[in-house]
Amino acid sequence: MDKYNLKELEEKLNKCKNMKLEDVTLDDVDEISSIKIDRRKSSNERILDFIMKVKNPYIFKVNGKLVRISFF
């Protein structure tokens, strides 16, 4: 897991989690079906890969529609 810059990923998460759906355009986010993650990696590495690959891990497109996820 040394290849991941955890500080950079943490900063990305903090910036993205506060973005509002109405402040995002379709071009600002990734289509979730286009994100490819290697299933042979550990679950932690798959999570880190996802965060690295997507523009915003909290907001993405599903079939062209914006979706925002949150955790409580």
N, C-alpha and C. Protein backbone atom coordinates (compact mmCIF):
# COMPACT_ATOMS: atom_id res chain seq x y z
N MET A 1 0.82 -1.20 0.00
CA MET A 1 0.00 0.00 0.00
C MET A 1 0.86 1.26 0.00
N ASP A 2 2.15 1.09 -0.17
CA ASP A 2 3.05 2.23 -0.20
C ASP A 2 2.83 3.12 -1.42
N LYS A 3 2.22 2.58 -2.48
CA LYS A 3 2.04 3.37 -3.70
C LYS A 3 0.95 4.42 -3.58
N TYR A 4 0.19 4.38 -2.50
CA TYR A 4 -0.90 5.34 -2.30
C TYR A 4 -0.43 6.49 -1.42
N ASN A 5 -0.71 7.70 -1.86
CA ASN A 5 -0.41 8.87 -1.06
C ASN A 5 -1.65 9.13 -0.20
N LEU A 6 -1.63 8.59 1.00
CA LEU A 6 -2.81 8.63 1.86
C LEU A 6 -3.18 10.06 2.26
N LYS A 7 -2.20 10.91 2.44
CA LYS A 7 -2.48 12.31 2.78
C LYS A 7 -3.23 13.00 1.64
N GLU A 8 -2.79 12.75 0.42
CA GLU A 8 -3.45 13.33 -0.75
C GLU A 8 -4.88 12.79 -0.90
N LEU A 9 -5.06 11.50 -0.68
CA LEU A 9 -6.39 10.91 -0.77
C LEU A 9 -7.32 11.46 0.31
N GLU A 10 -6.78 11.66 1.50
CA GLU A 10 -7.57 12.23 2.59
C GLU A 10 -8.02 13.65 2.25
N GLU A 11 -7.13 14.43 1.68
CA GLU A 11 -7.47 15.80 1.27
C GLU A 11 -8.55 15.80 0.19
N LYS A 12 -8.44 14.88 -0.75
CA LYS A 12 -9.44 14.76 -1.82
C LYS A 12 -10.80 14.42 -1.22
N LEU A 13 -10.83 13.47 -0.29
CA LEU A 13 -12.09 13.08 0.35
C LEU A 13 -12.71 14.25 1.10
N ASN A 14 -11.90 14.97 1.84
CA ASN A 14 -12.42 16.11 2.60
C ASN A 14 -12.99 17.19 1.69
N LYS A 15 -12.31 17.44 0.58
CA LYS A 15 -12.80 18.45 -0.37
C LYS A 15 -14.11 18.00 -1.02
N CYS A 16 -14.16 16.75 -1.43
CA CYS A 16 -15.30 16.24 -2.20
C CYS A 16 -16.55 16.00 -1.34
N LYS A 17 -16.38 15.64 -0.09
CA LYS A 17 -17.55 15.29 0.72
C LYS A 17 -18.45 16.48 1.01
N ASN A 18 -17.92 17.68 0.90
CA ASN A 18 -18.73 18.87 1.18
C ASN A 18 -19.35 19.49 -0.07
N MET A 19 -19.06 18.91 -1.24
CA MET A 19 -19.64 19.45 -2.47
C MET A 19 -21.13 19.13 -2.53
N LYS A 20 -21.89 20.07 -2.99
CA LYS A 20 -23.33 19.87 -3.13
C LYS A 20 -23.65 19.41 -4.54
N LEU A 21 -24.67 18.60 -4.66
CA LEU A 21 -25.07 18.05 -5.95
C LEU A 21 -25.41 19.15 -6.94
N GLU A 22 -26.04 20.21 -6.47
CA GLU A 22 -26.43 21.30 -7.37
C GLU A 22 -25.24 22.12 -7.87
N ASP A 23 -24.07 21.94 -7.25
CA ASP A 23 -22.87 22.65 -7.68
C ASP A 23 -22.03 21.84 -8.67
N VAL A 24 -22.52 20.67 -9.06
CA VAL A 24 -21.76 19.76 -9.93
C VAL A 24 -22.50 19.60 -11.25
N THR A 25 -21.73 19.59 -12.35
CA THR A 25 -22.32 19.30 -13.65
C THR A 25 -21.98 17.86 -14.05
N LEU A 26 -22.67 17.36 -15.05
CA LEU A 26 -22.41 15.99 -15.50
C LEU A 26 -20.96 15.81 -15.96
N ASP A 27 -20.36 16.86 -16.48
CA ASP A 27 -18.97 16.77 -16.94
C ASP A 27 -17.97 16.73 -15.79
N ASP A 28 -18.40 17.12 -14.60
CA ASP A 28 -17.51 17.16 -13.43
C ASP A 28 -17.31 15.80 -12.78
N VAL A 29 -18.09 14.81 -13.17
CA VAL A 29 -18.05 13.52 -12.48
C VAL A 29 -17.90 12.37 -13.47
N ASP A 30 -17.57 11.21 -12.95
CA ASP A 30 -17.35 10.02 -13.76
C ASP A 30 -18.61 9.17 -13.83
N GLU A 31 -18.77 8.48 -14.94
CA GLU A 31 -19.82 7.45 -15.07
C GLU A 31 -19.31 6.23 -14.31
N ILE A 32 -20.06 5.80 -13.33
CA ILE A 32 -19.62 4.73 -12.44
C ILE A 32 -19.31 3.43 -13.19
N SER A 33 -20.01 3.15 -14.26
CA SER A 33 -19.78 1.92 -15.01
C SER A 33 -18.45 1.92 -15.76
N SER A 34 -17.85 3.10 -15.93
CA SER A 34 -16.58 3.18 -16.65
C SER A 34 -15.37 3.02 -15.72
N ILE A 35 -15.60 2.95 -14.43
CA ILE A 35 -14.51 2.80 -13.47
C ILE A 35 -14.20 1.31 -13.32
N LYS A 36 -12.99 0.94 -13.63
CA LYS A 36 -12.57 -0.46 -13.54
C LYS A 36 -11.64 -0.64 -12.35
N ILE A 37 -11.99 -1.57 -11.48
CA ILE A 37 -11.20 -1.87 -10.28
C ILE A 37 -10.80 -3.34 -10.33
N ASP A 38 -9.55 -3.62 -10.03
CA ASP A 38 -9.03 -4.98 -10.04
C ASP A 38 -9.57 -5.75 -8.83
N ARG A 39 -10.41 -6.73 -9.08
CA ARG A 39 -11.04 -7.51 -8.01
C ARG A 39 -10.07 -8.44 -7.30
N ARG A 40 -8.89 -8.61 -7.85
CA ARG A 40 -7.91 -9.49 -7.20
C ARG A 40 -7.20 -8.79 -6.05
N LYS A 41 -7.33 -7.48 -5.96
CA LYS A 41 -6.70 -6.73 -4.87
C LYS A 41 -7.50 -6.88 -3.59
N SER A 42 -6.87 -6.55 -2.49
CA SER A 42 -7.56 -6.58 -1.20
C SER A 42 -8.66 -5.52 -1.19
N SER A 43 -9.59 -5.65 -0.28
CA SER A 43 -10.69 -4.67 -0.22
C SER A 43 -10.17 -3.27 0.05
N ASN A 44 -9.17 -3.14 0.90
CA ASN A 44 -8.60 -1.81 1.17
C ASN A 44 -7.97 -1.21 -0.08
N GLU A 45 -7.25 -2.02 -0.84
CA GLU A 45 -6.64 -1.52 -2.07
C GLU A 45 -7.69 -1.16 -3.11
N ARG A 46 -8.78 -1.91 -3.19
CA ARG A 46 -9.86 -1.58 -4.13
C ARG A 46 -10.49 -0.24 -3.77
N ILE A 47 -10.68 0.00 -2.49
CA ILE A 47 -11.24 1.28 -2.04
C ILE A 47 -10.30 2.42 -2.41
N LEU A 48 -9.02 2.25 -2.12
CA LEU A 48 -8.04 3.29 -2.44
C LEU A 48 -7.95 3.52 -3.94
N ASP A 49 -8.00 2.45 -4.73
CA ASP A 49 -7.99 2.59 -6.19
C ASP A 49 -9.20 3.38 -6.68
N PHE A 50 -10.36 3.09 -6.13
CA PHE A 50 -11.58 3.80 -6.51
C PHE A 50 -11.43 5.29 -6.21
N ILE A 51 -10.98 5.61 -5.02
CA ILE A 51 -10.82 7.02 -4.63
C ILE A 51 -9.83 7.72 -5.55
N MET A 52 -8.76 7.02 -5.92
CA MET A 52 -7.76 7.61 -6.82
C MET A 52 -8.31 7.83 -8.22
N LYS A 53 -9.10 6.91 -8.72
CA LYS A 53 -9.54 6.94 -10.11
C LYS A 53 -10.67 7.91 -10.39
N VAL A 54 -11.58 8.10 -9.45
CA VAL A 54 -12.74 8.95 -9.71
C VAL A 54 -12.43 10.41 -9.41
N LYS A 55 -13.14 11.27 -10.09
CA LYS A 55 -12.99 12.70 -9.84
C LYS A 55 -13.54 13.05 -8.47
N ASN A 56 -14.68 12.47 -8.13
CA ASN A 56 -15.33 12.72 -6.84
C ASN A 56 -15.93 11.40 -6.36
N PRO A 57 -15.41 10.83 -5.27
CA PRO A 57 -15.93 9.55 -4.80
C PRO A 57 -17.33 9.61 -4.18
N TYR A 58 -17.84 10.81 -3.95
CA TYR A 58 -19.17 10.97 -3.36
C TYR A 58 -20.26 11.26 -4.40
N ILE A 59 -19.86 11.80 -5.54
CA ILE A 59 -20.83 12.15 -6.58
C ILE A 59 -20.35 11.55 -7.89
N PHE A 60 -21.23 10.83 -8.55
CA PHE A 60 -20.89 10.21 -9.83
C PHE A 60 -22.15 10.06 -10.65
N LYS A 61 -21.99 9.58 -11.87
CA LYS A 61 -23.14 9.36 -12.75
C LYS A 61 -23.48 7.87 -12.78
N VAL A 62 -24.77 7.59 -12.80
CA VAL A 62 -25.28 6.25 -13.04
C VAL A 62 -26.27 6.38 -14.18
N ASN A 63 -25.94 5.79 -15.31
CA ASN A 63 -26.77 5.90 -16.52
C ASN A 63 -27.07 7.36 -16.86
N GLY A 64 -26.06 8.22 -16.70
CA GLY A 64 -26.20 9.62 -17.08
C GLY A 64 -26.89 10.51 -16.05
N LYS A 65 -27.25 9.96 -14.89
CA LYS A 65 -27.90 10.76 -13.84
C LYS A 65 -26.95 10.94 -12.67
N LEU A 66 -26.95 12.14 -12.10
CA LEU A 66 -26.09 12.41 -10.95
C LEU A 66 -26.60 11.68 -9.71
N VAL A 67 -25.66 11.09 -8.99
CA VAL A 67 -25.97 10.39 -7.75
C VAL A 67 -24.97 10.87 -6.70
N ARG A 68 -25.47 11.17 -5.51
CA ARG A 68 -24.60 11.57 -4.41
C ARG A 68 -24.78 10.54 -3.30
N ILE A 69 -23.67 10.04 -2.78
CA ILE A 69 -23.74 9.11 -1.66
C ILE A 69 -23.23 9.79 -0.41
N SER A 70 -23.72 9.37 0.72
CA SER A 70 -23.23 9.89 2.01
C SER A 70 -23.31 8.77 3.03
N PHE A 71 -22.53 8.94 4.05
CA PHE A 71 -22.45 7.94 5.11
C PHE A 71 -22.75 8.62 6.43
N PHE A 72 -23.53 7.99 7.26
CA PHE A 72 -23.88 8.55 8.57
C PHE A 72 -23.26 7.76 9.67
